[in-house]
Amino acid sequence: MFYPDREAAGRALGGALVHLRAADPVVLALPRGGVPVAVAVREVIGGDLDVLLVRKLGVPWHPELAMGAIGEDDVRVLNDDVMWQTGVTAEQLADIEAVERAELERRRRVLRTDPPLALKDRTVVIVDDGMATGATMAAGCEIARLHEPRRVVAAVPVSSVEALHRIRSIADEVVCPLVPRSLGGVGGAYRDFHQLTDQEVVELLHPTASRDADQ
């Protein structure tokens, strides 16, 4: 099974989340790839839309392999198994984290035009375009928990078996329509998996403001 693109994946994921429509959820996108998925999910189930800023901490010589993740509110999650298997040193971890914290702050300035939505006592649906290790989703769940939501739902169109197992111990509910036996990478589940630009993300999150700026 392949998704044509992230928007189509979001529509499919939204169909698996219709039971949450009555909860008036807050749909939180993990930028950048999770934004078009979350926008499509929100079109199906309604509610409010916002971003939840996280950054993967990639192994220095294999950046796509997450040794952990950081996020807003100074949250940090580490993949101890990956750290042990790859032999990443504390100094290497610190160097990567410094770079990613700078990028996290840059994205906050670019993507956050308003204060974050209040999550207290809300049903929160955290959306990404997929999970390989689950590190960024784990960080997202930890951030959301700090704001005392009623319920935390992790939702992705595709996931590895290992990541799904990890996030089930963190979130109240995990929704994922596609779980292949072997996931070489999230991009393998998509025909179009291009790297989104900041401008694409801003236009998806704030379409009215983007149209006004063009006039």
C-alpha atoms as a PDB file:
ATOM      1  CA  MET A   1       0.000   0.000   0.000  1.00  0.00           C
ATOM      2  CA  PHE A   2       1.230   3.469  -0.900  1.00  0.00           C
ATOM      3  CA  TYR A   3      -0.161   6.922  -0.124  1.00  0.00           C
ATOM      4  CA  PRO A   4      -0.056   9.301  -3.109  1.00  0.00           C
ATOM      5  CA  ASP A   5       1.017  12.159  -0.817  1.00  0.00           C
ATOM      6  CA  ARG A   6       0.660  13.474   2.740  1.00  0.00           C
ATOM      7  CA  GLU A   7      -2.739  15.037   2.084  1.00  0.00           C
ATOM      8  CA  ALA A   8      -4.179  11.712   0.919  1.00  0.00           C
ATOM      9  CA  ALA A   9      -2.599  10.021   3.925  1.00  0.00           C
ATOM     10  CA  GLY A  10      -4.250  12.597   6.179  1.00  0.00           C
ATOM     11  CA  ARG A  11      -7.665  11.912   4.684  1.00  0.00           C
ATOM     12  CA  ALA A  12      -7.207   8.178   5.263  1.00  0.00           C
ATOM     13  CA  LEU A  13      -6.037   8.830   8.807  1.00  0.00           C
ATOM     14  CA  GLY A  14      -8.953  11.179   9.415  1.00  0.00           C
ATOM     15  CA  GLY A  15     -11.325   8.385   8.437  1.00  0.00           C
ATOM     16  CA  ALA A  16      -9.837   6.274  11.216  1.00  0.00           C
ATOM     17  CA  LEU A  17     -10.319   9.127  13.702  1.00  0.00           C
ATOM     18  CA  VAL A  18     -13.977  10.012  13.083  1.00  0.00           C
ATOM     19  CA  HIS A  19     -14.887   8.646  16.516  1.00  0.00           C
ATOM     20  CA  LEU A  20     -13.157  11.723  17.963  1.00  0.00           C
ATOM     21  CA  ARG A  21     -15.249  14.246  16.039  1.00  0.00           C
ATOM     22  CA  ALA A  22     -17.688  14.806  18.920  1.00  0.00           C
ATOM     23  CA  ALA A  23     -14.777  15.524  21.289  1.00  0.00           C
ATOM     24  CA  ASP A  24     -13.948  18.832  19.528  1.00  0.00           C
ATOM     25  CA  PRO A  25     -10.252  17.879  19.463  1.00  0.00           C
ATOM     26  CA  VAL A  26      -7.105  19.944  19.230  1.00  0.00           C
ATOM     27  CA  VAL A  27      -5.136  18.562  16.269  1.00  0.00           C
ATOM     28  CA  LEU A  28      -1.418  19.157  16.799  1.00  0.00           C
ATOM     29  CA  ALA A  29       0.910  18.783  13.813  1.00  0.00           C
ATOM     30  CA  LEU A  30       4.573  17.857  14.160  1.00  0.00           C
ATOM     31  CA  PRO A  31       6.316  20.083  11.560  1.00  0.00           C
ATOM     32  CA  ARG A  32       7.171  19.915   8.902  1.00  0.00           C
ATOM     33  CA  GLY A  33       5.911  16.642   7.452  1.00  0.00           C
ATOM     34  CA  GLY A  34       3.040  16.265   9.870  1.00  0.00           C
ATOM     35  CA  VAL A  35       1.426  19.579   8.894  1.00  0.00           C
ATOM     36  CA  PRO A  36      -0.285  18.587   5.606  1.00  0.00           C
ATOM     37  CA  VAL A  37      -1.392  15.325   7.238  1.00  0.00           C
ATOM     38  CA  ALA A  38      -2.858  17.191  10.214  1.00  0.00           C
ATOM     39  CA  VAL A  39      -4.606  19.757   8.013  1.00  0.00           C
ATOM     40  CA  ALA A  40      -6.376  16.936   6.156  1.00  0.00           C
ATOM     41  CA  VAL A  41      -7.216  15.163   9.429  1.00  0.00           C
ATOM     42  CA  ARG A  42      -8.760  18.316  10.825  1.00  0.00           C
ATOM     43  CA  GLU A  43     -10.888  18.729   7.692  1.00  0.00           C
ATOM     44  CA  VAL A  44     -12.391  15.299   8.456  1.00  0.00           C
ATOM     45  CA  ILE A  45     -12.812  15.431  12.244  1.00  0.00           C
ATOM     46  CA  GLY A  46     -13.034  19.179  12.904  1.00  0.00           C
ATOM     47  CA  GLY A  47     -11.696  20.877  16.016  1.00  0.00           C
ATOM     48  CA  ASP A  48      -8.748  23.281  16.310  1.00  0.00           C
ATOM     49  CA  LEU A  49      -5.363  23.109  14.606  1.00  0.00           C
ATOM     50  CA  ASP A  50      -1.931  24.032  15.958  1.00  0.00           C
ATOM     51  CA  VAL A  51       1.674  22.889  15.757  1.00  0.00           C
ATOM     52  CA  LEU A  52       3.752  21.105  18.367  1.00  0.00           C
ATOM     53  CA  LEU A  53       7.420  21.861  17.838  1.00  0.00           C
ATOM     54  CA  VAL A  54       9.823  18.944  18.125  1.00  0.00           C
ATOM     55  CA  ARG A  55      13.173  18.072  16.556  1.00  0.00           C
ATOM     56  CA  LYS A  56      14.700  14.677  15.989  1.00  0.00           C
ATOM     57  CA  LEU A  57      18.207  14.087  17.338  1.00  0.00           C
ATOM     58  CA  GLY A  58      19.769  12.096  14.527  1.00  0.00           C
ATOM     59  CA  VAL A  59      22.839   9.892  14.859  1.00  0.00           C
ATOM     60  CA  PRO A  60      25.731  12.034  13.496  1.00  0.00           C
ATOM     61  CA  TRP A  61      26.692   9.596  10.707  1.00  0.00           C
ATOM     62  CA  HIS A  62      23.094   8.440  10.088  1.00  0.00           C
ATOM     63  CA  PRO A  63      20.843  11.520  10.565  1.00  0.00           C
ATOM     64  CA  GLU A  64      17.630   9.668   9.684  1.00  0.00           C
ATOM     65  CA  LEU A  65      18.129   7.309  12.634  1.00  0.00           C
ATOM     66  CA  ALA A  66      16.767   8.993  15.757  1.00  0.00           C
ATOM     67  CA  MET A  67      18.766   8.654  18.942  1.00  0.00           C
ATOM     68  CA  GLY A  68      16.186  10.904  20.568  1.00  0.00           C
ATOM     69  CA  ALA A  69      14.161  14.070  20.183  1.00  0.00           C
ATOM     70  CA  ILE A  70      13.712  17.461  21.814  1.00  0.00           C
ATOM     71  CA  GLY A  71      10.727  19.768  21.924  1.00  0.00           C
ATOM     72  CA  GLU A  72       9.055  22.803  23.369  1.00  0.00           C
ATOM     73  CA  ASP A  73       9.005  23.209  27.165  1.00  0.00           C
ATOM     74  CA  ASP A  74      12.563  21.779  27.319  1.00  0.00           C
ATOM     75  CA  VAL A  75      11.385  18.209  26.772  1.00  0.00           C
ATOM     76  CA  ARG A  76      14.050  15.682  25.750  1.00  0.00           C
ATOM     77  CA  VAL A  77      13.504  11.992  24.989  1.00  0.00           C
ATOM     78  CA  LEU A  78      16.366   9.588  24.274  1.00  0.00           C
ATOM     79  CA  ASN A  79      16.377   6.209  22.506  1.00  0.00           C
ATOM     80  CA  ASP A  80      18.666   4.319  24.851  1.00  0.00           C
ATOM     81  CA  ASP A  81      18.829   1.304  22.524  1.00  0.00           C
ATOM     82  CA  VAL A  82      20.014   3.427  19.598  1.00  0.00           C
ATOM     83  CA  MET A  83      22.518   5.269  21.795  1.00  0.00           C
ATOM     84  CA  TRP A  84      23.955   1.968  22.978  1.00  0.00           C
ATOM     85  CA  GLN A  85      23.990   0.242  19.573  1.00  0.00           C
ATOM     86  CA  THR A  86      25.632   3.171  17.756  1.00  0.00           C
ATOM     87  CA  GLY A  87      28.081   4.164  20.485  1.00  0.00           C
ATOM     88  CA  VAL A  88      27.227   7.864  20.287  1.00  0.00           C
ATOM     89  CA  THR A  89      29.190   9.790  22.918  1.00  0.00           C
ATOM     90  CA  ALA A  90      27.816  12.396  25.317  1.00  0.00           C
ATOM     91  CA  GLU A  91      29.817  15.055  23.468  1.00  0.00           C
ATOM     92  CA  GLN A  92      28.360  14.059  20.104  1.00  0.00           C
ATOM     93  CA  LEU A  93      24.855  14.100  21.579  1.00  0.00           C
ATOM     94  CA  ALA A  94      25.441  17.570  23.034  1.00  0.00           C
ATOM     95  CA  ASP A  95      26.674  18.899  19.683  1.00  0.00           C
ATOM     96  CA  ILE A  96      23.638  17.571  17.812  1.00  0.00           C
ATOM     97  CA  GLU A  97      21.287  18.850  20.495  1.00  0.00           C
ATOM     98  CA  ALA A  98      22.746  22.370  20.310  1.00  0.00           C
ATOM     99  CA  VAL A  99      22.170  22.479  16.550  1.00  0.00           C
ATOM    100  CA  GLU A 100      18.621  21.164  16.840  1.00  0.00           C
ATOM    101  CA  ARG A 101      17.703  23.547  19.666  1.00  0.00           C
ATOM    102  CA  ALA A 102      18.759  26.453  17.451  1.00  0.00           C
ATOM    103  CA  GLU A 103      16.542  25.098  14.648  1.00  0.00           C
ATOM    104  CA  LEU A 104      13.679  24.572  17.109  1.00  0.00           C
ATOM    105  CA  GLU A 105      13.868  28.235  18.090  1.00  0.00           C
ATOM    106  CA  ARG A 106      14.056  29.328  14.445  1.00  0.00           C
ATOM    107  CA  ARG A 107      10.928  27.334  13.626  1.00  0.00           C
ATOM    108  CA  ARG A 108       9.146  28.788  16.636  1.00  0.00           C
ATOM    109  CA  ARG A 109       9.744  32.278  15.262  1.00  0.00           C
ATOM    110  CA  VAL A 110       8.637  31.303  11.751  1.00  0.00           C
ATOM    111  CA  LEU A 111       5.656  29.060  12.454  1.00  0.00           C
ATOM    112  CA  ARG A 112       4.167  30.508  15.633  1.00  0.00           C
ATOM    113  CA  THR A 113       2.232  33.677  14.823  1.00  0.00           C
ATOM    114  CA  ASP A 114      -0.073  33.240  17.839  1.00  0.00           C
ATOM    115  CA  PRO A 115       0.359  31.783  21.340  1.00  0.00           C
ATOM    116  CA  PRO A 116      -0.066  27.990  21.506  1.00  0.00           C
ATOM    117  CA  LEU A 117      -3.628  26.765  21.948  1.00  0.00           C
ATOM    118  CA  ALA A 118      -4.626  25.783  25.483  1.00  0.00           C
ATOM    119  CA  LEU A 119      -4.658  21.987  25.868  1.00  0.00           C
ATOM    120  CA  LYS A 120      -5.999  21.652  29.403  1.00  0.00           C
ATOM    121  CA  ASP A 121      -8.986  19.281  29.547  1.00  0.00           C
ATOM    122  CA  ARG A 122      -9.003  18.909  25.730  1.00  0.00           C
ATOM    123  CA  THR A 123      -8.696  15.781  23.601  1.00  0.00           C
ATOM    124  CA  VAL A 124      -5.334  16.232  21.870  1.00  0.00           C
ATOM    125  CA  VAL A 125      -4.540  14.440  18.600  1.00  0.00           C
ATOM    126  CA  ILE A 126      -0.826  14.553  17.780  1.00  0.00           C
ATOM    127  CA  VAL A 127      -0.215  13.969  14.068  1.00  0.00           C
ATOM    128  CA  ASP A 128       2.941  13.185  12.089  1.00  0.00           C
ATOM    129  CA  ASP A 129       3.484  11.703   8.621  1.00  0.00           C
ATOM    130  CA  GLY A 130       4.824   8.480  10.119  1.00  0.00           C
ATOM    131  CA  MET A 131       6.905   6.868  12.859  1.00  0.00           C
ATOM    132  CA  ALA A 132      10.133   4.942  12.428  1.00  0.00           C
ATOM    133  CA  THR A 133      11.534   4.944  15.979  1.00  0.00           C
ATOM    134  CA  GLY A 134       8.752   6.959  17.619  1.00  0.00           C
ATOM    135  CA  ALA A 135      11.186   9.404  19.256  1.00  0.00           C
ATOM    136  CA  THR A 136       9.592  12.604  17.981  1.00  0.00           C
ATOM    137  CA  MET A 137       6.086  11.378  18.758  1.00  0.00           C
ATOM    138  CA  ALA A 138       7.219  10.395  22.259  1.00  0.00           C
ATOM    139  CA  ALA A 139       8.554  13.920  22.791  1.00  0.00           C
ATOM    140  CA  GLY A 140       5.288  15.343  21.480  1.00  0.00           C
ATOM    141  CA  CYS A 141       3.262  13.227  23.901  1.00  0.00           C
ATOM    142  CA  GLU A 142       5.435  14.333  26.822  1.00  0.00           C
ATOM    143  CA  ILE A 143       5.001  17.997  25.893  1.00  0.00           C
ATOM    144  CA  ALA A 144       1.245  17.618  25.592  1.00  0.00           C
ATOM    145  CA  ARG A 145       1.028  15.878  28.999  1.00  0.00           C
ATOM    146  CA  LEU A 146       2.591  18.923  30.656  1.00  0.00           C
ATOM    147  CA  HIS A 147      -0.542  20.911  29.754  1.00  0.00           C
ATOM    148  CA  GLU A 148      -3.006  18.496  31.387  1.00  0.00           C
ATOM    149  CA  PRO A 149      -5.151  17.420  28.436  1.00  0.00           C
ATOM    150  CA  ARG A 150      -8.094  15.098  29.001  1.00  0.00           C
ATOM    151  CA  ARG A 151      -6.738  12.583  26.479  1.00  0.00           C
ATOM    152  CA  VAL A 152      -3.674  12.213  24.241  1.00  0.00           C
ATOM    153  CA  VAL A 153      -4.082  10.426  20.913  1.00  0.00           C
ATOM    154  CA  ALA A 154      -1.077   9.696  18.692  1.00  0.00           C
ATOM    155  CA  ALA A 155      -2.077   9.437  15.033  1.00  0.00           C
ATOM    156  CA  VAL A 156       0.083   8.595  12.009  1.00  0.00           C
ATOM    157  CA  PRO A 157      -0.619   7.121   8.566  1.00  0.00           C
ATOM    158  CA  VAL A 158       2.259   4.600   8.813  1.00  0.00           C
ATOM    159  CA  SER A 159       4.473   3.206  11.558  1.00  0.00           C
ATOM    160  CA  SER A 160       7.002   0.536  12.335  1.00  0.00           C
ATOM    161  CA  VAL A 161       5.873  -2.180  14.712  1.00  0.00           C
ATOM    162  CA  GLU A 162       8.528  -1.106  17.232  1.00  0.00           C
ATOM    163  CA  ALA A 163       7.469   2.544  17.283  1.00  0.00           C
ATOM    164  CA  LEU A 164       3.817   1.605  17.638  1.00  0.00           C
ATOM    165  CA  HIS A 165       4.631  -0.545  20.650  1.00  0.00           C
ATOM    166  CA  ARG A 166       6.641   2.280  22.216  1.00  0.00           C
ATOM    167  CA  ILE A 167       3.966   4.939  21.784  1.00  0.00           C
ATOM    168  CA  ARG A 168       1.167   2.688  23.051  1.00  0.00           C
ATOM    169  CA  SER A 169       2.840   2.891  26.471  1.00  0.00           C
ATOM    170  CA  ILE A 170       2.794   6.707  26.362  1.00  0.00           C
ATOM    171  CA  ALA A 171      -0.427   7.802  24.619  1.00  0.00           C
ATOM    172  CA  ASP A 172      -3.985   7.033  25.676  1.00  0.00           C
ATOM    173  CA  GLU A 173      -4.735   5.856  22.134  1.00  0.00           C
ATOM    174  CA  VAL A 174      -2.660   5.194  19.034  1.00  0.00           C
ATOM    175  CA  VAL A 175      -4.244   5.222  15.570  1.00  0.00           C
ATOM    176  CA  CYS A 176      -2.292   4.000  12.539  1.00  0.00           C
ATOM    177  CA  PRO A 177      -3.918   2.487   9.419  1.00  0.00           C
ATOM    178  CA  LEU A 178      -0.698   1.044   7.950  1.00  0.00           C
ATOM    179  CA  VAL A 179       1.842  -1.042   9.890  1.00  0.00           C
ATOM    180  CA  PRO A 180       4.117  -2.950   7.480  1.00  0.00           C
ATOM    181  CA  ARG A 181       6.127  -5.913   8.715  1.00  0.00           C
ATOM    182  CA  SER A 182       9.306  -4.079   7.820  1.00  0.00           C
ATOM    183  CA  LEU A 183       9.464  -0.299   7.502  1.00  0.00           C
ATOM    184  CA  GLY A 184      12.685   0.745   5.833  1.00  0.00           C
ATOM    185  CA  GLY A 185      11.706   4.381   6.206  1.00  0.00           C
ATOM    186  CA  VAL A 186       8.551   6.465   6.444  1.00  0.00           C
ATOM    187  CA  GLY A 187       9.093   7.843   2.951  1.00  0.00           C
ATOM    188  CA  GLY A 188       8.729   4.357   1.505  1.00  0.00           C
ATOM    189  CA  ALA A 189       4.986   4.507   2.180  1.00  0.00           C
ATOM    190  CA  TYR A 190       4.554   7.597  -0.044  1.00  0.00           C
ATOM    191  CA  ARG A 191       4.839   8.293  -3.754  1.00  0.00           C
ATOM    192  CA  ASP A 192       5.353  11.995  -3.067  1.00  0.00           C
ATOM    193  CA  PHE A 193       7.418  12.533   0.088  1.00  0.00           C
ATOM    194  CA  HIS A 194       9.158  15.775  -0.781  1.00  0.00           C
ATOM    195  CA  GLN A 195      10.791  17.946   1.867  1.00  0.00           C
ATOM    196  CA  LEU A 196       8.367  20.723   2.731  1.00  0.00           C
ATOM    197  CA  THR A 197       9.596  24.307   2.888  1.00  0.00           C
ATOM    198  CA  ASP A 198       8.781  26.754   5.670  1.00  0.00           C
ATOM    199  CA  GLN A 199       6.621  28.663   3.195  1.00  0.00           C
ATOM    200  CA  GLU A 200       4.534  25.588   2.371  1.00  0.00           C
ATOM    201  CA  VAL A 201       3.968  24.938   6.063  1.00  0.00           C
ATOM    202  CA  VAL A 202       3.028  28.556   6.819  1.00  0.00           C
ATOM    203  CA  GLU A 203       0.533  28.579   3.929  1.00  0.00           C
ATOM    204  CA  LEU A 204      -1.075  25.375   5.209  1.00  0.00           C
ATOM    205  CA  LEU A 205      -1.323  26.651   8.777  1.00  0.00           C
ATOM    206  CA  HIS A 206      -2.389  30.204   7.935  1.00  0.00           C
ATOM    207  CA  PRO A 207      -4.024  30.137   4.473  1.00  0.00           C
ATOM    208  CA  THR A 208      -5.971  33.375   4.970  1.00  0.00           C
ATOM    209  CA  ALA A 209      -2.923  35.344   6.077  1.00  0.00           C
ATOM    210  CA  SER A 210      -0.903  33.950   3.157  1.00  0.00           C
ATOM    211  CA  ARG A 211      -3.581  35.010   0.644  1.00  0.00           C
ATOM    212  CA  ASP A 212      -3.777  38.483   2.184  1.00  0.00           C
ATOM    213  CA  ALA A 213      -0.005  38.897   1.932  1.00  0.00           C
ATOM    214  CA  ASP A 214      -0.117  38.065  -1.785  1.00  0.00           C
ATOM    215  CA  GLN A 215      -2.742  40.717  -2.536  1.00  0.00           C
END
